[in-house]
């Protein structure tokens, strides 16, 4: 398997300071992503893209590679995931190393499990998708969303005011854990998503955005539920 795992972990974090290496149930949160990637057996290389020497040292200690530091241009608040992936792939190719597939694994994804990484990779190959990532079903129909206007609650779309939940479509959101991608395709499309993207559906127990202290505590509770 000629695959590379890229874990993007810059040093700056506005909402949770030093988020990528903060301790999560006794060890740095990024270590969960590194360990799962290594244990999956799917990757020829597991690397961390960072601009921060402390993160780099910790990543290496946990078994990942950090062959170079991220450029200043891709370390600001405006650089997106594709920019980081592109930089890493081009740097490896300049060093004579080429890969067929890349999996971008986020550093703050402690609920990620090996079987989901494997399932995503198998789907990428079996269905010949360009990209595959995990999604979670919204717990309530988004057509029945509410909004506030002039202090009053109103239906965002009055068309569905009397619709039954079971009669409405299911919608999903990005679990924010990983993206499997075929390198040649994303290089030509210059984007992670396209019309040939697939997904695996996760139970919401296995996914949690971590943007604030409450999210962090919920993620820890979910981790304990899964593992104990």
C-alpha atoms as a PDB file:
ATOM      1  CA  UNK A   1       0.000   0.000   0.000  1.00  0.00           C
ATOM      2  CA  UNK A   2       1.625   3.191  -1.177  1.00  0.00           C
ATOM      3  CA  UNK A   3      -0.190   5.526   1.202  1.00  0.00           C
ATOM      4  CA  UNK A   4       0.860   8.477   3.329  1.00  0.00           C
ATOM      5  CA  UNK A   5      -0.934   9.857   6.384  1.00  0.00           C
ATOM      6  CA  UNK A   6      -0.657  13.610   6.910  1.00  0.00           C
ATOM      7  CA  UNK A   7      -1.619  15.003  10.316  1.00  0.00           C
ATOM      8  CA  UNK A   8      -1.850  18.825  10.115  1.00  0.00           C
ATOM      9  CA  UNK A   9      -1.039  20.402  13.488  1.00  0.00           C
ATOM     10  CA  UNK A  10       0.023  24.017  13.541  1.00  0.00           C
ATOM     11  CA  UNK A  11       1.025  25.712  16.764  1.00  0.00           C
ATOM     12  CA  UNK A  12      -1.553  28.499  16.819  1.00  0.00           C
ATOM     13  CA  UNK A  13      -5.002  27.871  18.293  1.00  0.00           C
ATOM     14  CA  UNK A  14      -7.377  30.683  19.186  1.00  0.00           C
ATOM     15  CA  UNK A  15     -10.229  28.985  21.036  1.00  0.00           C
ATOM     16  CA  UNK A  16      -8.257  26.343  22.976  1.00  0.00           C
ATOM     17  CA  UNK A  17      -4.595  27.352  23.466  1.00  0.00           C
ATOM     18  CA  UNK A  18      -2.077  24.679  22.414  1.00  0.00           C
ATOM     19  CA  UNK A  19      -5.038  22.510  21.532  1.00  0.00           C
ATOM     20  CA  UNK A  20      -3.133  20.014  19.380  1.00  0.00           C
ATOM     21  CA  UNK A  21      -0.857  18.878  22.216  1.00  0.00           C
ATOM     22  CA  UNK A  22      -3.071  19.467  25.230  1.00  0.00           C
ATOM     23  CA  UNK A  23      -3.481  16.400  27.440  1.00  0.00           C
ATOM     24  CA  UNK A  24      -6.585  14.352  26.716  1.00  0.00           C
ATOM     25  CA  UNK A  25      -7.170  11.712  29.398  1.00  0.00           C
ATOM     26  CA  UNK A  26      -3.510  11.585  30.300  1.00  0.00           C
ATOM     27  CA  UNK A  27      -1.686  12.021  26.998  1.00  0.00           C
ATOM     28  CA  UNK A  28      -1.400  14.648  24.236  1.00  0.00           C
ATOM     29  CA  UNK A  29      -4.470  14.614  22.053  1.00  0.00           C
ATOM     30  CA  UNK A  30      -2.455  14.377  18.820  1.00  0.00           C
ATOM     31  CA  UNK A  31      -0.996  11.070  19.994  1.00  0.00           C
ATOM     32  CA  UNK A  32      -4.359   9.345  19.441  1.00  0.00           C
ATOM     33  CA  UNK A  33      -4.343  10.198  15.733  1.00  0.00           C
ATOM     34  CA  UNK A  34      -0.697   9.180  15.342  1.00  0.00           C
ATOM     35  CA  UNK A  35      -1.135   5.866  17.156  1.00  0.00           C
ATOM     36  CA  UNK A  36      -4.308   4.930  15.256  1.00  0.00           C
ATOM     37  CA  UNK A  37      -2.684   5.702  11.918  1.00  0.00           C
ATOM     38  CA  UNK A  38       0.358   3.583  12.755  1.00  0.00           C
ATOM     39  CA  UNK A  39      -1.663   0.675  14.170  1.00  0.00           C
ATOM     40  CA  UNK A  40      -3.928   0.592  11.096  1.00  0.00           C
ATOM     41  CA  UNK A  41      -1.039  -0.734   9.000  1.00  0.00           C
ATOM     42  CA  UNK A  42      -2.302   1.292   6.042  1.00  0.00           C
ATOM     43  CA  UNK A  43       0.571   3.724   5.668  1.00  0.00           C
ATOM     44  CA  UNK A  44       4.108   3.647   4.383  1.00  0.00           C
ATOM     45  CA  UNK A  45       4.634   7.001   6.121  1.00  0.00           C
ATOM     46  CA  UNK A  46       2.816   8.754   8.968  1.00  0.00           C
ATOM     47  CA  UNK A  47       3.909  12.393   9.113  1.00  0.00           C
ATOM     48  CA  UNK A  48       2.918  15.504  11.013  1.00  0.00           C
ATOM     49  CA  UNK A  49       2.837  18.860   9.235  1.00  0.00           C
ATOM     50  CA  UNK A  50       3.567  21.580  11.770  1.00  0.00           C
ATOM     51  CA  UNK A  51       5.242  24.943  12.151  1.00  0.00           C
ATOM     52  CA  UNK A  52       5.908  24.328  15.846  1.00  0.00           C
ATOM     53  CA  UNK A  53       9.057  22.645  17.151  1.00  0.00           C
ATOM     54  CA  UNK A  54       7.408  21.437  20.373  1.00  0.00           C
ATOM     55  CA  UNK A  55       4.672  19.710  18.358  1.00  0.00           C
ATOM     56  CA  UNK A  56       7.309  18.274  16.028  1.00  0.00           C
ATOM     57  CA  UNK A  57       9.285  16.806  18.927  1.00  0.00           C
ATOM     58  CA  UNK A  58       6.188  15.306  20.496  1.00  0.00           C
ATOM     59  CA  UNK A  59       5.065  13.839  17.150  1.00  0.00           C
ATOM     60  CA  UNK A  60       8.431  12.152  16.638  1.00  0.00           C
ATOM     61  CA  UNK A  61       8.328  10.810  20.202  1.00  0.00           C
ATOM     62  CA  UNK A  62       4.971   9.188  19.386  1.00  0.00           C
ATOM     63  CA  UNK A  63       6.260   7.516  16.229  1.00  0.00           C
ATOM     64  CA  UNK A  64       5.427   9.991  13.461  1.00  0.00           C
ATOM     65  CA  UNK A  65       7.859  11.592  11.009  1.00  0.00           C
ATOM     66  CA  UNK A  66       8.469  15.334  10.721  1.00  0.00           C
ATOM     67  CA  UNK A  67      10.896  15.613   7.805  1.00  0.00           C
ATOM     68  CA  UNK A  68      10.372  19.371   7.471  1.00  0.00           C
ATOM     69  CA  UNK A  69       8.464  22.193   9.135  1.00  0.00           C
ATOM     70  CA  UNK A  70       5.444  23.809   7.526  1.00  0.00           C
ATOM     71  CA  UNK A  71       5.972  27.056   5.627  1.00  0.00           C
ATOM     72  CA  UNK A  72       4.947  30.381   7.159  1.00  0.00           C
ATOM     73  CA  UNK A  73       2.455  30.896   4.317  1.00  0.00           C
ATOM     74  CA  UNK A  74       0.517  27.768   5.310  1.00  0.00           C
ATOM     75  CA  UNK A  75       0.711  28.382   9.058  1.00  0.00           C
ATOM     76  CA  UNK A  76      -1.689  31.319   9.291  1.00  0.00           C
ATOM     77  CA  UNK A  77      -5.432  31.397   9.984  1.00  0.00           C
ATOM     78  CA  UNK A  78      -6.289  31.494   6.270  1.00  0.00           C
ATOM     79  CA  UNK A  79      -4.487  28.371   5.040  1.00  0.00           C
ATOM     80  CA  UNK A  80      -6.912  25.507   4.428  1.00  0.00           C
ATOM     81  CA  UNK A  81      -6.493  21.749   4.588  1.00  0.00           C
ATOM     82  CA  UNK A  82      -5.874  21.410   0.857  1.00  0.00           C
ATOM     83  CA  UNK A  83      -3.068  23.991   0.976  1.00  0.00           C
ATOM     84  CA  UNK A  84      -1.299  22.002   3.693  1.00  0.00           C
ATOM     85  CA  UNK A  85      -1.732  18.665   1.918  1.00  0.00           C
ATOM     86  CA  UNK A  86      -0.490  20.097  -1.359  1.00  0.00           C
ATOM     87  CA  UNK A  87       2.612  21.527   0.306  1.00  0.00           C
ATOM     88  CA  UNK A  88       3.487  18.189   1.897  1.00  0.00           C
ATOM     89  CA  UNK A  89       2.922  16.159  -1.264  1.00  0.00           C
ATOM     90  CA  UNK A  90       5.021  18.534  -3.377  1.00  0.00           C
ATOM     91  CA  UNK A  91       7.841  18.501  -0.816  1.00  0.00           C
ATOM     92  CA  UNK A  92       7.905  14.705  -0.749  1.00  0.00           C
ATOM     93  CA  UNK A  93       7.900  14.556  -4.551  1.00  0.00           C
ATOM     94  CA  UNK A  94      10.810  16.995  -4.654  1.00  0.00           C
ATOM     95  CA  UNK A  95      12.636  14.527  -2.418  1.00  0.00           C
ATOM     96  CA  UNK A  96      11.849  11.691  -4.826  1.00  0.00           C
ATOM     97  CA  UNK A  97       9.016  10.109  -2.824  1.00  0.00           C
ATOM     98  CA  UNK A  98       5.662   9.611  -4.527  1.00  0.00           C
ATOM     99  CA  UNK A  99       2.475   8.171  -3.081  1.00  0.00           C
ATOM    100  CA  UNK A 100      -0.796   6.987  -4.622  1.00  0.00           C
ATOM    101  CA  UNK A 101      -3.162   7.931  -1.814  1.00  0.00           C
ATOM    102  CA  UNK A 102      -3.136  10.323   1.110  1.00  0.00           C
ATOM    103  CA  UNK A 103      -5.183  10.311   4.286  1.00  0.00           C
ATOM    104  CA  UNK A 104      -5.406  13.627   6.093  1.00  0.00           C
ATOM    105  CA  UNK A 105      -6.074  12.838   9.758  1.00  0.00           C
ATOM    106  CA  UNK A 106      -6.900  15.705  12.077  1.00  0.00           C
ATOM    107  CA  UNK A 107      -4.837  15.973  15.280  1.00  0.00           C
ATOM    108  CA  UNK A 108      -7.829  16.547  17.570  1.00  0.00           C
ATOM    109  CA  UNK A 109      -9.710  13.360  16.715  1.00  0.00           C
ATOM    110  CA  UNK A 110      -9.273  11.089  19.759  1.00  0.00           C
ATOM    111  CA  UNK A 111     -12.426   9.115  18.878  1.00  0.00           C
ATOM    112  CA  UNK A 112     -10.936   7.891  15.598  1.00  0.00           C
ATOM    113  CA  UNK A 113     -10.666   4.098  15.408  1.00  0.00           C
ATOM    114  CA  UNK A 114      -8.626   1.799  13.188  1.00  0.00           C
ATOM    115  CA  UNK A 115     -11.620   0.013  11.676  1.00  0.00           C
ATOM    116  CA  UNK A 116     -13.092   3.270  10.350  1.00  0.00           C
ATOM    117  CA  UNK A 117      -9.791   4.198   8.693  1.00  0.00           C
ATOM    118  CA  UNK A 118      -9.710   0.770   7.068  1.00  0.00           C
ATOM    119  CA  UNK A 119     -13.360   0.982   5.995  1.00  0.00           C
ATOM    120  CA  UNK A 120     -12.755   4.379   4.394  1.00  0.00           C
ATOM    121  CA  UNK A 121      -9.725   3.101   2.492  1.00  0.00           C
ATOM    122  CA  UNK A 122     -11.552   0.003   1.247  1.00  0.00           C
ATOM    123  CA  UNK A 123     -14.444   2.160   0.020  1.00  0.00           C
ATOM    124  CA  UNK A 124     -12.016   4.453  -1.814  1.00  0.00           C
ATOM    125  CA  UNK A 125     -10.672   1.478  -3.750  1.00  0.00           C
ATOM    126  CA  UNK A 126     -13.840  -0.595  -4.215  1.00  0.00           C
ATOM    127  CA  UNK A 127     -16.019   2.242  -5.523  1.00  0.00           C
ATOM    128  CA  UNK A 128     -13.170   4.076  -7.258  1.00  0.00           C
ATOM    129  CA  UNK A 129     -13.988   7.279  -5.382  1.00  0.00           C
ATOM    130  CA  UNK A 130     -11.612  10.229  -5.480  1.00  0.00           C
ATOM    131  CA  UNK A 131     -12.271  11.100  -1.837  1.00  0.00           C
ATOM    132  CA  UNK A 132     -13.864   9.320   1.136  1.00  0.00           C
ATOM    133  CA  UNK A 133     -14.526  10.726   4.610  1.00  0.00           C
ATOM    134  CA  UNK A 134     -16.716   9.942   7.656  1.00  0.00           C
ATOM    135  CA  UNK A 135     -20.058  11.663   8.184  1.00  0.00           C
ATOM    136  CA  UNK A 136     -22.677  11.725  10.956  1.00  0.00           C
ATOM    137  CA  UNK A 137     -26.441  11.970  10.555  1.00  0.00           C
ATOM    138  CA  UNK A 138     -28.158  15.063  11.955  1.00  0.00           C
ATOM    139  CA  UNK A 139     -30.273  13.984  14.909  1.00  0.00           C
ATOM    140  CA  UNK A 140     -33.220  16.122  13.798  1.00  0.00           C
ATOM    141  CA  UNK A 141     -34.455  17.150  10.311  1.00  0.00           C
ATOM    142  CA  UNK A 142     -32.741  20.351   9.208  1.00  0.00           C
ATOM    143  CA  UNK A 143     -35.840  21.351   7.214  1.00  0.00           C
ATOM    144  CA  UNK A 144     -37.518  22.086  10.543  1.00  0.00           C
ATOM    145  CA  UNK A 145     -34.794  24.494  11.651  1.00  0.00           C
ATOM    146  CA  UNK A 146     -35.791  27.598  13.594  1.00  0.00           C
ATOM    147  CA  UNK A 147     -34.398  31.102  13.547  1.00  0.00           C
ATOM    148  CA  UNK A 148     -34.951  34.272  15.541  1.00  0.00           C
ATOM    149  CA  UNK A 149     -36.117  37.476  13.897  1.00  0.00           C
ATOM    150  CA  UNK A 150     -36.966  40.567  15.942  1.00  0.00           C
ATOM    151  CA  UNK A 151     -36.941  38.472  19.128  1.00  0.00           C
ATOM    152  CA  UNK A 152     -39.500  36.023  17.732  1.00  0.00           C
ATOM    153  CA  UNK A 153     -38.915  32.370  16.856  1.00  0.00           C
ATOM    154  CA  UNK A 154     -39.992  31.451  13.331  1.00  0.00           C
ATOM    155  CA  UNK A 155     -39.533  28.479  11.006  1.00  0.00           C
ATOM    156  CA  UNK A 156     -36.577  28.921   8.674  1.00  0.00           C
ATOM    157  CA  UNK A 157     -38.694  27.267   5.985  1.00  0.00           C
ATOM    158  CA  UNK A 158     -42.434  27.470   6.617  1.00  0.00           C
ATOM    159  CA  UNK A 159     -43.026  24.858   3.923  1.00  0.00           C
ATOM    160  CA  UNK A 160     -42.228  22.180   6.504  1.00  0.00           C
ATOM    161  CA  UNK A 161     -44.162  23.585   9.466  1.00  0.00           C
ATOM    162  CA  UNK A 162     -46.542  20.592   9.614  1.00  0.00           C
ATOM    163  CA  UNK A 163     -44.254  17.970   8.057  1.00  0.00           C
ATOM    164  CA  UNK A 164     -43.601  14.804  10.032  1.00  0.00           C
ATOM    165  CA  UNK A 165     -39.971  14.083  10.814  1.00  0.00           C
ATOM    166  CA  UNK A 166     -40.174  10.597   9.296  1.00  0.00           C
ATOM    167  CA  UNK A 167     -41.318  12.063   5.968  1.00  0.00           C
ATOM    168  CA  UNK A 168     -38.270  14.289   5.550  1.00  0.00           C
ATOM    169  CA  UNK A 169     -34.882  13.476   4.043  1.00  0.00           C
ATOM    170  CA  UNK A 170     -31.860  12.544   6.126  1.00  0.00           C
ATOM    171  CA  UNK A 171     -28.897  14.913   6.096  1.00  0.00           C
ATOM    172  CA  UNK A 172     -25.367  14.493   7.367  1.00  0.00           C
ATOM    173  CA  UNK A 173     -22.389  16.551   8.513  1.00  0.00           C
ATOM    174  CA  UNK A 174     -18.645  16.052   8.262  1.00  0.00           C
ATOM    175  CA  UNK A 175     -17.334  14.126  11.287  1.00  0.00           C
ATOM    176  CA  UNK A 176     -14.084  16.118  11.116  1.00  0.00           C
ATOM    177  CA  UNK A 177     -11.750  13.134  11.542  1.00  0.00           C
ATOM    178  CA  UNK A 178     -10.066  12.166   8.282  1.00  0.00           C
ATOM    179  CA  UNK A 179     -10.141  12.383   4.479  1.00  0.00           C
ATOM    180  CA  UNK A 180      -8.913   9.625   2.184  1.00  0.00           C
ATOM    181  CA  UNK A 181      -7.875  11.015  -1.204  1.00  0.00           C
ATOM    182  CA  UNK A 182      -6.307   9.857  -4.444  1.00  0.00           C
ATOM    183  CA  UNK A 183      -3.336  12.120  -4.905  1.00  0.00           C
ATOM    184  CA  UNK A 184      -3.461  12.518  -8.691  1.00  0.00           C
ATOM    185  CA  UNK A 185      -7.107  13.542  -8.559  1.00  0.00           C
ATOM    186  CA  UNK A 186      -6.831  16.144  -5.823  1.00  0.00           C
ATOM    187  CA  UNK A 187      -3.764  17.619  -7.510  1.00  0.00           C
ATOM    188  CA  UNK A 188      -5.718  18.139 -10.724  1.00  0.00           C
ATOM    189  CA  UNK A 189      -8.942  19.294  -9.043  1.00  0.00           C
ATOM    190  CA  UNK A 190      -7.132  21.421  -6.439  1.00  0.00           C
ATOM    191  CA  UNK A 191      -9.847  20.533  -3.946  1.00  0.00           C
ATOM    192  CA  UNK A 192     -10.694  17.828  -1.426  1.00  0.00           C
ATOM    193  CA  UNK A 193     -14.323  17.488  -2.509  1.00  0.00           C
ATOM    194  CA  UNK A 194     -15.695  16.762  -5.971  1.00  0.00           C
ATOM    195  CA  UNK A 195     -18.605  14.955  -7.617  1.00  0.00           C
ATOM    196  CA  UNK A 196     -16.964  11.587  -7.020  1.00  0.00           C
ATOM    197  CA  UNK A 197     -16.803  11.668  -3.218  1.00  0.00           C
ATOM    198  CA  UNK A 198     -17.966   8.840  -0.959  1.00  0.00           C
ATOM    199  CA  UNK A 199     -18.527   8.551   2.773  1.00  0.00           C
ATOM    200  CA  UNK A 200     -18.822   6.151   5.679  1.00  0.00           C
ATOM    201  CA  UNK A 201     -21.538   6.879   8.241  1.00  0.00           C
ATOM    202  CA  UNK A 202     -20.520   7.015  11.904  1.00  0.00           C
ATOM    203  CA  UNK A 203     -22.637   6.734  15.016  1.00  0.00           C
ATOM    204  CA  UNK A 204     -22.456  10.116  16.764  1.00  0.00           C
ATOM    205  CA  UNK A 205     -20.787   8.424  19.740  1.00  0.00           C
ATOM    206  CA  UNK A 206     -17.654   8.168  17.579  1.00  0.00           C
ATOM    207  CA  UNK A 207     -17.460  11.825  16.543  1.00  0.00           C
ATOM    208  CA  UNK A 208     -17.124  15.121  18.381  1.00  0.00           C
ATOM    209  CA  UNK A 209     -16.057  18.585  17.275  1.00  0.00           C
ATOM    210  CA  UNK A 210     -13.739  20.048  19.894  1.00  0.00           C
ATOM    211  CA  UNK A 211     -13.995  23.829  19.750  1.00  0.00           C
ATOM    212  CA  UNK A 212     -14.422  24.744  23.421  1.00  0.00           C
ATOM    213  CA  UNK A 213     -14.083  23.375  26.951  1.00  0.00           C
ATOM    214  CA  UNK A 214     -17.526  21.771  26.935  1.00  0.00           C
ATOM    215  CA  UNK A 215     -16.725  19.940  23.686  1.00  0.00           C
ATOM    216  CA  UNK A 216     -13.501  18.712  25.252  1.00  0.00           C
ATOM    217  CA  UNK A 217     -15.294  17.221  28.258  1.00  0.00           C
ATOM    218  CA  UNK A 218     -17.936  15.598  26.037  1.00  0.00           C
ATOM    219  CA  UNK A 219     -15.198  14.028  23.895  1.00  0.00           C
ATOM    220  CA  UNK A 220     -13.555  12.605  27.027  1.00  0.00           C
ATOM    221  CA  UNK A 221     -16.873  11.127  28.174  1.00  0.00           C
ATOM    222  CA  UNK A 222     -17.458   9.571  24.751  1.00  0.00           C
ATOM    223  CA  UNK A 223     -13.950   8.119  24.732  1.00  0.00           C
ATOM    224  CA  UNK A 224     -14.538   6.506  28.120  1.00  0.00           C
ATOM    225  CA  UNK A 225     -17.884   5.098  26.964  1.00  0.00           C
ATOM    226  CA  UNK A 226     -16.293   3.572  23.875  1.00  0.00           C
ATOM    227  CA  UNK A 227     -13.289   2.119  25.653  1.00  0.00           C
ATOM    228  CA  UNK A 228     -14.754   1.080  28.993  1.00  0.00           C
END
